[in-house]
Every structure is written in C-alpha cells, then in structure tokens.
C-alpha cells in the first residue's frame, strides 16, 4: 500500500464528501480504499494560467536560444507559398 497520501475508505468518502472535496480543492491528494484495497486516487486538477507577467516571461526567456531574424525569415520564405492565387480569379472549366 502507498503511504504517500492519506487513505480514505469508500464509506468515508461517501459520508464526508464535502470535507474531502474541500481538501482536494486546496491541493490535498487521497488514496481511496474499498475493503482495505486501494482502488483509486483523488487528486486536484492543475489550473491553467492565462496570463504571464512581463517579469516572469523575461525570467523564462533567459535560457531561450537566440533567433537570427534573417535566417528565420529565409526559412519562412522557403516554406511558404509566395505566389498565392487570386481567390476571385475565374478559371476556365
């Protein structure tokens, strides 16, 4: 049996679900048991952030590779079709 997380029985989960779910929401993880056997885990979901501050972005960018803009543009020019057809041009059938 795993000793890393508190164990709760299926009955405890049913009887104390609000208390246990509140703990999970706060970051706690539980191992659920039935008849003494581990049957699952309750783990908090990671929340996704939508915003990264300028300072945090700058700190994360310290180890980013340097991008040569001329090489980057040349790579784009090679991979993109530079001769787009006019979508309104009529073509013979």
C-alpha atoms as a PDB file:
ATOM      1  CA  UNK A   1       0.000   0.000   0.000  1.00  0.00           C
ATOM      2  CA  UNK A   2       1.125   3.538  -0.789  1.00  0.00           C
ATOM      3  CA  UNK A   3       1.929   5.622   2.288  1.00  0.00           C
ATOM      4  CA  UNK A   4       2.456   8.875   0.393  1.00  0.00           C
ATOM      5  CA  UNK A   5      -1.156  10.058   0.681  1.00  0.00           C
ATOM      6  CA  UNK A   6      -3.810   9.704   3.368  1.00  0.00           C
ATOM      7  CA  UNK A   7      -6.094   6.734   2.830  1.00  0.00           C
ATOM      8  CA  UNK A   8      -9.860   7.155   2.976  1.00  0.00           C
ATOM      9  CA  UNK A   9     -12.407   4.407   2.709  1.00  0.00           C
ATOM     10  CA  UNK A  10     -15.204   4.435   0.201  1.00  0.00           C
ATOM     11  CA  UNK A  11     -17.587   4.858   3.155  1.00  0.00           C
ATOM     12  CA  UNK A  12     -15.625   7.863   4.484  1.00  0.00           C
ATOM     13  CA  UNK A  13     -15.722   9.400   1.031  1.00  0.00           C
ATOM     14  CA  UNK A  14     -19.485   8.975   0.892  1.00  0.00           C
ATOM     15  CA  UNK A  15     -20.066  10.287   4.436  1.00  0.00           C
ATOM     16  CA  UNK A  16     -17.518  13.140   4.376  1.00  0.00           C
ATOM     17  CA  UNK A  17     -17.533  14.021   0.691  1.00  0.00           C
ATOM     18  CA  UNK A  18     -17.817  17.785   1.170  1.00  0.00           C
ATOM     19  CA  UNK A  19     -14.922  17.907   3.653  1.00  0.00           C
ATOM     20  CA  UNK A  20     -12.766  15.663   1.457  1.00  0.00           C
ATOM     21  CA  UNK A  21     -13.561  17.567  -1.756  1.00  0.00           C
ATOM     22  CA  UNK A  22     -12.715  20.845   0.007  1.00  0.00           C
ATOM     23  CA  UNK A  23      -9.331  19.352   0.953  1.00  0.00           C
ATOM     24  CA  UNK A  24      -8.748  18.184  -2.638  1.00  0.00           C
ATOM     25  CA  UNK A  25      -9.629  21.660  -3.878  1.00  0.00           C
ATOM     26  CA  UNK A  26      -6.948  23.043  -1.547  1.00  0.00           C
ATOM     27  CA  UNK A  27      -4.350  20.702  -3.044  1.00  0.00           C
ATOM     28  CA  UNK A  28      -4.511  17.555  -0.913  1.00  0.00           C
ATOM     29  CA  UNK A  29      -4.425  14.094  -2.528  1.00  0.00           C
ATOM     30  CA  UNK A  30      -6.140  10.991  -1.139  1.00  0.00           C
ATOM     31  CA  UNK A  31      -5.968   7.273  -1.866  1.00  0.00           C
ATOM     32  CA  UNK A  32      -9.438   5.699  -1.806  1.00  0.00           C
ATOM     33  CA  UNK A  33      -9.837   2.171  -0.464  1.00  0.00           C
ATOM     34  CA  UNK A  34     -12.602  -0.441  -0.531  1.00  0.00           C
ATOM     35  CA  UNK A  35     -12.380  -3.383   1.840  1.00  0.00           C
ATOM     36  CA  UNK A  36      -8.805  -2.329   2.620  1.00  0.00           C
ATOM     37  CA  UNK A  37      -7.700  -2.443  -1.037  1.00  0.00           C
ATOM     38  CA  UNK A  38      -6.559   0.686  -2.864  1.00  0.00           C
ATOM     39  CA  UNK A  39      -8.969   1.409  -5.705  1.00  0.00           C
ATOM     40  CA  UNK A  40      -8.177   4.957  -6.796  1.00  0.00           C
ATOM     41  CA  UNK A  41      -6.865   8.404  -6.070  1.00  0.00           C
ATOM     42  CA  UNK A  42      -8.430  11.804  -5.630  1.00  0.00           C
ATOM     43  CA  UNK A  43      -6.034  14.416  -6.948  1.00  0.00           C
ATOM     44  CA  UNK A  44      -6.506  18.139  -7.502  1.00  0.00           C
ATOM     45  CA  UNK A  45      -6.588  19.339 -11.083  1.00  0.00           C
ATOM     46  CA  UNK A  46      -3.883  21.737 -12.112  1.00  0.00           C
ATOM     47  CA  UNK A  47      -5.309  25.081 -13.029  1.00  0.00           C
ATOM     48  CA  UNK A  48      -4.125  26.700 -16.214  1.00  0.00           C
ATOM     49  CA  UNK A  49      -2.998  30.256 -16.067  1.00  0.00           C
ATOM     50  CA  UNK A  50      -3.936  32.522 -18.924  1.00  0.00           C
ATOM     51  CA  UNK A  51      -1.560  35.381 -18.151  1.00  0.00           C
ATOM     52  CA  UNK A  52       2.173  35.526 -17.647  1.00  0.00           C
ATOM     53  CA  UNK A  53       3.633  38.747 -16.304  1.00  0.00           C
ATOM     54  CA  UNK A  54       6.364  40.556 -18.235  1.00  0.00           C
ATOM     55  CA  UNK A  55       8.854  39.803 -15.452  1.00  0.00           C
ATOM     56  CA  UNK A  56       8.026  36.097 -15.458  1.00  0.00           C
ATOM     57  CA  UNK A  57       8.274  35.918 -19.259  1.00  0.00           C
ATOM     58  CA  UNK A  58      11.664  37.656 -19.138  1.00  0.00           C
ATOM     59  CA  UNK A  59      12.896  35.224 -16.475  1.00  0.00           C
ATOM     60  CA  UNK A  60      11.730  32.192 -18.506  1.00  0.00           C
ATOM     61  CA  UNK A  61      13.339  33.603 -21.651  1.00  0.00           C
ATOM     62  CA  UNK A  62      16.837  33.834 -20.193  1.00  0.00           C
ATOM     63  CA  UNK A  63      17.759  30.343 -21.438  1.00  0.00           C
ATOM     64  CA  UNK A  64      15.906  30.613 -24.752  1.00  0.00           C
ATOM     65  CA  UNK A  65      18.047  30.276 -27.884  1.00  0.00           C
ATOM     66  CA  UNK A  66      18.929  33.409 -29.814  1.00  0.00           C
ATOM     67  CA  UNK A  67      16.932  33.686 -33.042  1.00  0.00           C
ATOM     68  CA  UNK A  68      18.632  35.197 -36.074  1.00  0.00           C
ATOM     69  CA  UNK A  69      15.803  37.140 -37.724  1.00  0.00           C
ATOM     70  CA  UNK A  70      17.271  36.986 -41.248  1.00  0.00           C
ATOM     71  CA  UNK A  71      17.599  33.190 -41.063  1.00  0.00           C
ATOM     72  CA  UNK A  72      14.117  32.900 -39.585  1.00  0.00           C
ATOM     73  CA  UNK A  73      12.622  34.986 -42.423  1.00  0.00           C
ATOM     74  CA  UNK A  74      14.535  33.000 -45.048  1.00  0.00           C
ATOM     75  CA  UNK A  75      13.168  29.745 -43.576  1.00  0.00           C
ATOM     76  CA  UNK A  76       9.653  31.144 -43.727  1.00  0.00           C
ATOM     77  CA  UNK A  77      10.099  32.273 -47.329  1.00  0.00           C
ATOM     78  CA  UNK A  78      11.222  28.787 -48.352  1.00  0.00           C
ATOM     79  CA  UNK A  79       8.340  27.020 -46.627  1.00  0.00           C
ATOM     80  CA  UNK A  80       5.516  29.399 -47.562  1.00  0.00           C
ATOM     81  CA  UNK A  81       3.957  29.672 -50.979  1.00  0.00           C
ATOM     82  CA  UNK A  82       4.837  33.201 -52.029  1.00  0.00           C
ATOM     83  CA  UNK A  83       2.604  33.063 -55.127  1.00  0.00           C
ATOM     84  CA  UNK A  84      -0.923  32.939 -53.839  1.00  0.00           C
ATOM     85  CA  UNK A  85      -3.688  32.687 -56.386  1.00  0.00           C
ATOM     86  CA  UNK A  86      -6.329  35.369 -56.536  1.00  0.00           C
ATOM     87  CA  UNK A  87      -9.407  33.738 -54.944  1.00  0.00           C
ATOM     88  CA  UNK A  88     -11.652  35.847 -57.200  1.00  0.00           C
ATOM     89  CA  UNK A  89      -9.932  34.950 -60.449  1.00  0.00           C
ATOM     90  CA  UNK A  90     -12.190  32.911 -62.726  1.00  0.00           C
ATOM     91  CA  UNK A  91     -10.645  29.813 -64.124  1.00  0.00           C
ATOM     92  CA  UNK A  92     -11.725  28.109 -67.328  1.00  0.00           C
ATOM     93  CA  UNK A  93     -13.750  24.949 -66.802  1.00  0.00           C
END
